[in-house]
Amino acid sequence: MAQLALNRLDLVLADEPMSKRISVKAFNHPLGRTTMSFFCAPQLRPQLKGVFPNV
């Protein structure tokens, strides 16, 4: 949020609204609900641990 306050960021995408306790002049705008997908290069797949992304 400090980067946003210093105008080093123009946009923050988050999964919840910004807390009212933070004293940064910003606006919350819901973008809607959608599923999320993650992709990686096939060469990186052996380095991943656990069942992700096969869930």
PDB file of N, CA and C in Angstrom:
ATOM      1  N   MET A   1       0.815  -1.182   0.000  1.00  0.00           N
ATOM      2  CA  MET A   1       0.000   0.000   0.000  1.00  0.00           C
ATOM      3  C   MET A   1       0.868   1.258   0.000  1.00  0.00           C
ATOM      4  N   ALA A   2       2.055   1.149   0.542  1.00  0.00           N
ATOM      5  CA  ALA A   2       2.955   2.311   0.530  1.00  0.00           C
ATOM      6  C   ALA A   2       3.299   2.696  -0.900  1.00  0.00           C
ATOM      7  N   GLN A   3       3.524   1.727  -1.763  1.00  0.00           N
ATOM      8  CA  GLN A   3       3.838   2.010  -3.160  1.00  0.00           C
ATOM      9  C   GLN A   3       2.664   2.722  -3.842  1.00  0.00           C
ATOM     10  N   LEU A   4       1.464   2.330  -3.489  1.00  0.00           N
ATOM     11  CA  LEU A   4       0.266   2.979  -4.028  1.00  0.00           C
ATOM     12  C   LEU A   4       0.185   4.426  -3.527  1.00  0.00           C
ATOM     13  N   ALA A   5       0.441   4.622  -2.248  1.00  0.00           N
ATOM     14  CA  ALA A   5       0.389   5.968  -1.665  1.00  0.00           C
ATOM     15  C   ALA A   5       1.428   6.886  -2.280  1.00  0.00           C
ATOM     16  N   LEU A   6       2.565   6.335  -2.688  1.00  0.00           N
ATOM     17  CA  LEU A   6       3.627   7.134  -3.292  1.00  0.00           C
ATOM     18  C   LEU A   6       3.481   7.274  -4.808  1.00  0.00           C
ATOM     19  N   ASN A   7       2.356   6.830  -5.335  1.00  0.00           N
ATOM     20  CA  ASN A   7       2.063   6.875  -6.770  1.00  0.00           C
ATOM     21  C   ASN A   7       3.060   6.076  -7.604  1.00  0.00           C
ATOM     22  N   ARG A   8       3.618   5.037  -7.016  1.00  0.00           N
ATOM     23  CA  ARG A   8       4.489   4.134  -7.772  1.00  0.00           C
ATOM     24  C   ARG A   8       3.697   2.984  -8.367  1.00  0.00           C
ATOM     25  N   LEU A   9       2.453   2.823  -7.910  1.00  0.00           N
ATOM     26  CA  LEU A   9       1.514   1.845  -8.464  1.00  0.00           C
ATOM     27  C   LEU A   9       0.247   2.568  -8.861  1.00  0.00           C
ATOM     28  N   ASP A  10      -0.387   2.105  -9.922  1.00  0.00           N
ATOM     29  CA  ASP A  10      -1.661   2.674 -10.347  1.00  0.00           C
ATOM     30  C   ASP A  10      -2.834   1.769  -9.999  1.00  0.00           C
ATOM     31  N   LEU A  11      -2.549   0.491  -9.773  1.00  0.00           N
ATOM     32  CA  LEU A  11      -3.625  -0.476  -9.605  1.00  0.00           C
ATOM     33  C   LEU A  11      -3.150  -1.616  -8.725  1.00  0.00           C
ATOM     34  N   VAL A  12      -4.031  -2.075  -7.852  1.00  0.00           N
ATOM     35  CA  VAL A  12      -3.780  -3.262  -7.042  1.00  0.00           C
ATOM     36  C   VAL A  12      -4.977  -4.183  -7.220  1.00  0.00           C
ATOM     37  N   LEU A  13      -4.732  -5.405  -7.641  1.00  0.00           N
ATOM     38  CA  LEU A  13      -5.791  -6.405  -7.731  1.00  0.00           C
ATOM     39  C   LEU A  13      -5.710  -7.282  -6.493  1.00  0.00           C
ATOM     40  N   ALA A  14      -6.814  -7.409  -5.794  1.00  0.00           N
ATOM     41  CA  ALA A  14      -6.827  -8.181  -4.555  1.00  0.00           C
ATOM     42  C   ALA A  14      -8.125  -8.965  -4.455  1.00  0.00           C
ATOM     43  N   ASP A  15      -8.141  -9.948  -3.569  1.00  0.00           N
ATOM     44  CA  ASP A  15      -9.327 -10.770  -3.398  1.00  0.00           C
ATOM     45  C   ASP A  15     -10.252 -10.264  -2.295  1.00  0.00           C
ATOM     46  N   GLU A  16      -9.937  -9.119  -1.722  1.00  0.00           N
ATOM     47  CA  GLU A  16     -10.801  -8.509  -0.715  1.00  0.00           C
ATOM     48  C   GLU A  16     -10.607  -6.998  -0.734  1.00  0.00           C
ATOM     49  N   PRO A  17     -11.598  -6.235  -0.263  1.00  0.00           N
ATOM     50  CA  PRO A  17     -11.479  -4.774  -0.254  1.00  0.00           C
ATOM     51  C   PRO A  17     -10.365  -4.306   0.676  1.00  0.00           C
ATOM     52  N   MET A  18      -9.858  -3.129   0.403  1.00  0.00           N
ATOM     53  CA  MET A  18      -8.836  -2.533   1.249  1.00  0.00           C
ATOM     54  C   MET A  18      -9.433  -2.192   2.605  1.00  0.00           C
ATOM     55  N   SER A  19      -8.670  -2.409   3.648  1.00  0.00           N
ATOM     56  CA  SER A  19      -9.121  -2.120   5.006  1.00  0.00           C
ATOM     57  C   SER A  19      -9.368  -0.622   5.172  1.00  0.00           C
ATOM     58  N   LYS A  20     -10.391  -0.280   5.919  1.00  0.00           N
ATOM     59  CA  LYS A  20     -10.688   1.124   6.200  1.00  0.00           C
ATOM     60  C   LYS A  20      -9.680   1.715   7.187  1.00  0.00           C
ATOM     61  N   ARG A  21      -8.893   0.858   7.842  1.00  0.00           N
ATOM     62  CA  ARG A  21      -7.890   1.332   8.801  1.00  0.00           C
ATOM     63  C   ARG A  21      -6.646   1.873   8.114  1.00  0.00           C
ATOM     64  N   ILE A  22      -6.487   1.619   6.832  1.00  0.00           N
ATOM     65  CA  ILE A  22      -5.324   2.103   6.097  1.00  0.00           C
ATOM     66  C   ILE A  22      -5.634   3.507   5.579  1.00  0.00           C
ATOM     67  N   SER A  23      -4.750   4.438   5.837  1.00  0.00           N
ATOM     68  CA  SER A  23      -5.002   5.834   5.451  1.00  0.00           C
ATOM     69  C   SER A  23      -4.375   6.157   4.094  1.00  0.00           C
ATOM     70  N   VAL A  24      -4.768   5.392   3.091  1.00  0.00           N
ATOM     71  CA  VAL A  24      -4.331   5.628   1.717  1.00  0.00           C
ATOM     72  C   VAL A  24      -5.562   6.017   0.923  1.00  0.00           C
ATOM     73  N   LYS A  25      -5.469   7.079   0.141  1.00  0.00           N
ATOM     74  CA  LYS A  25      -6.600   7.485  -0.675  1.00  0.00           C
ATOM     75  C   LYS A  25      -6.686   6.537  -1.862  1.00  0.00           C
ATOM     76  N   ALA A  26      -7.662   5.637  -1.800  1.00  0.00           N
ATOM     77  CA  ALA A  26      -7.847   4.635  -2.847  1.00  0.00           C
ATOM     78  C   ALA A  26      -9.315   4.255  -2.891  1.00  0.00           C
ATOM     79  N   PHE A  27      -9.710   3.596  -3.956  1.00  0.00           N
ATOM     80  CA  PHE A  27     -11.092   3.194  -4.153  1.00  0.00           C
ATOM     81  C   PHE A  27     -11.158   1.699  -4.410  1.00  0.00           C
ATOM     82  N   ASN A  28     -12.185   1.057  -3.857  1.00  0.00           N
ATOM     83  CA  ASN A  28     -12.429  -0.360  -4.081  1.00  0.00           C
ATOM     84  C   ASN A  28     -13.486  -0.511  -5.165  1.00  0.00           C
ATOM     85  N   HIS A  29     -13.174  -1.297  -6.185  1.00  0.00           N
ATOM     86  CA  HIS A  29     -14.117  -1.560  -7.261  1.00  0.00           C
ATOM     87  C   HIS A  29     -14.150  -3.063  -7.508  1.00  0.00           C
ATOM     88  N   PRO A  30     -15.281  -3.721  -7.209  1.00  0.00           N
ATOM     89  CA  PRO A  30     -15.353  -5.153  -7.486  1.00  0.00           C
ATOM     90  C   PRO A  30     -15.316  -5.406  -8.995  1.00  0.00           C
ATOM     91  N   LEU A  31     -14.535  -6.393  -9.396  1.00  0.00           N
ATOM     92  CA  LEU A  31     -14.409  -6.727 -10.817  1.00  0.00           C
ATOM     93  C   LEU A  31     -15.287  -7.899 -11.219  1.00  0.00           C
ATOM     94  N   GLY A  32     -15.924  -8.520 -10.258  1.00  0.00           N
ATOM     95  CA  GLY A  32     -16.758  -9.679 -10.553  1.00  0.00           C
ATOM     96  C   GLY A  32     -16.117 -10.948 -10.039  1.00  0.00           C
ATOM     97  N   ARG A  33     -16.761 -12.053 -10.296  1.00  0.00           N
ATOM     98  CA  ARG A  33     -16.247 -13.350  -9.848  1.00  0.00           C
ATOM     99  C   ARG A  33     -15.959 -14.215 -11.061  1.00  0.00           C
ATOM    100  N   THR A  34     -14.846 -14.892 -11.006  1.00  0.00           N
ATOM    101  CA  THR A  34     -14.468 -15.768 -12.090  1.00  0.00           C
ATOM    102  C   THR A  34     -13.516 -16.833 -11.554  1.00  0.00           C
ATOM    103  N   THR A  35     -13.344 -17.893 -12.293  1.00  0.00           N
ATOM    104  CA  THR A  35     -12.371 -18.901 -11.905  1.00  0.00           C
ATOM    105  C   THR A  35     -10.983 -18.388 -12.244  1.00  0.00           C
ATOM    106  N   MET A  36      -9.986 -18.999 -11.637  1.00  0.00           N
ATOM    107  CA  MET A  36      -8.613 -18.580 -11.876  1.00  0.00           C
ATOM    108  C   MET A  36      -7.817 -19.768 -12.380  1.00  0.00           C
ATOM    109  N   SER A  37      -6.960 -19.528 -13.317  1.00  0.00           N
ATOM    110  CA  SER A  37      -6.115 -20.583 -13.870  1.00  0.00           C
ATOM    111  C   SER A  37      -4.652 -20.208 -13.718  1.00  0.00           C
ATOM    112  N   PHE A  38      -3.827 -21.220 -13.499  1.00  0.00           N
ATOM    113  CA  PHE A  38      -2.385 -21.018 -13.406  1.00  0.00           C
ATOM    114  C   PHE A  38      -1.730 -21.891 -14.460  1.00  0.00           C
ATOM    115  N   PHE A  39      -0.735 -21.347 -15.113  1.00  0.00           N
ATOM    116  CA  PHE A  39      -0.020 -22.067 -16.160  1.00  0.00           C
ATOM    117  C   PHE A  39       1.473 -21.935 -15.915  1.00  0.00           C
ATOM    118  N   CYS A  40       2.213 -22.924 -16.409  1.00  0.00           N
ATOM    119  CA  CYS A  40       3.670 -22.832 -16.354  1.00  0.00           C
ATOM    120  C   CYS A  40       4.234 -23.540 -17.575  1.00  0.00           C
ATOM    121  N   ALA A  41       5.479 -23.242 -17.861  1.00  0.00           N
ATOM    122  CA  ALA A  41       6.166 -23.914 -18.959  1.00  0.00           C
ATOM    123  C   ALA A  41       6.343 -25.386 -18.586  1.00  0.00           C
ATOM    124  N   PRO A  42       6.210 -26.292 -19.539  1.00  0.00           N
ATOM    125  CA  PRO A  42       6.347 -27.722 -19.238  1.00  0.00           C
ATOM    126  C   PRO A  42       7.652 -28.066 -18.523  1.00  0.00           C
ATOM    127  N   GLN A  43       8.727 -27.327 -18.781  1.00  0.00           N
ATOM    128  CA  GLN A  43      10.006 -27.600 -18.142  1.00  0.00           C
ATOM    129  C   GLN A  43       9.972 -27.318 -16.636  1.00  0.00           C
ATOM    130  N   LEU A  44       9.057 -26.457 -16.188  1.00  0.00           N
ATOM    131  CA  LEU A  44       8.967 -26.104 -14.772  1.00  0.00           C
ATOM    132  C   LEU A  44       8.129 -27.091 -13.968  1.00  0.00           C
ATOM    133  N   ARG A  45       7.272 -27.861 -14.623  1.00  0.00           N
ATOM    134  CA  ARG A  45       6.349 -28.754 -13.922  1.00  0.00           C
ATOM    135  C   ARG A  45       7.055 -29.717 -12.971  1.00  0.00           C
ATOM    136  N   PRO A  46       8.181 -30.337 -13.327  1.00  0.00           N
ATOM    137  CA  PRO A  46       8.833 -31.258 -12.385  1.00  0.00           C
ATOM    138  C   PRO A  46       9.306 -30.590 -11.088  1.00  0.00           C
ATOM    139  N   GLN A  47       9.482 -29.274 -11.093  1.00  0.00           N
ATOM    140  CA  GLN A  47       9.936 -28.567  -9.902  1.00  0.00           C
ATOM    141  C   GLN A  47       8.800 -28.270  -8.918  1.00  0.00           C
ATOM    142  N   LEU A  48       7.541 -28.369  -9.375  1.00  0.00           N
ATOM    143  CA  LEU A  48       6.401 -28.065  -8.518  1.00  0.00           C
ATOM    144  C   LEU A  48       6.191 -29.194  -7.519  1.00  0.00           C
ATOM    145  N   LYS A  49       5.793 -28.849  -6.298  1.00  0.00           N
ATOM    146  CA  LYS A  49       5.581 -29.842  -5.251  1.00  0.00           C
ATOM    147  C   LYS A  49       4.093 -30.014  -4.992  1.00  0.00           C
ATOM    148  N   GLY A  50       3.694 -31.178  -4.546  1.00  0.00           N
ATOM    149  CA  GLY A  50       2.305 -31.431  -4.190  1.00  0.00           C
ATOM    150  C   GLY A  50       1.458 -31.671  -5.432  1.00  0.00           C
ATOM    151  N   VAL A  51       0.142 -31.647  -5.230  1.00  0.00           N
ATOM    152  CA  VAL A  51      -0.791 -31.943  -6.315  1.00  0.00           C
ATOM    153  C   VAL A  51      -1.079 -30.740  -7.209  1.00  0.00           C
ATOM    154  N   PHE A  52      -0.711 -29.547  -6.726  1.00  0.00           N
ATOM    155  CA  PHE A  52      -0.921 -28.356  -7.552  1.00  0.00           C
ATOM    156  C   PHE A  52      -0.080 -28.473  -8.819  1.00  0.00           C
ATOM    157  N   PRO A  53      -0.561 -28.199  -9.973  1.00  0.00           N
ATOM    158  CA  PRO A  53      -1.857 -27.624 -10.346  1.00  0.00           C
ATOM    159  C   PRO A  53      -2.892 -28.652 -10.762  1.00  0.00           C
ATOM    160  N   ASN A  54      -2.758 -29.871 -10.345  1.00  0.00           N
ATOM    161  CA  ASN A  54      -3.679 -30.930 -10.770  1.00  0.00           C
ATOM    162  C   ASN A  54      -4.931 -31.027  -9.906  1.00  0.00           C
ATOM    163  N   VAL A  55      -5.214 -30.045  -9.080  1.00  0.00           N
ATOM    164  CA  VAL A  55      -6.380 -30.084  -8.191  1.00  0.00           C
ATOM    165  C   VAL A  55      -7.614 -29.747  -8.972  1.00  0.00           C
TER     166      VAL A  55
END
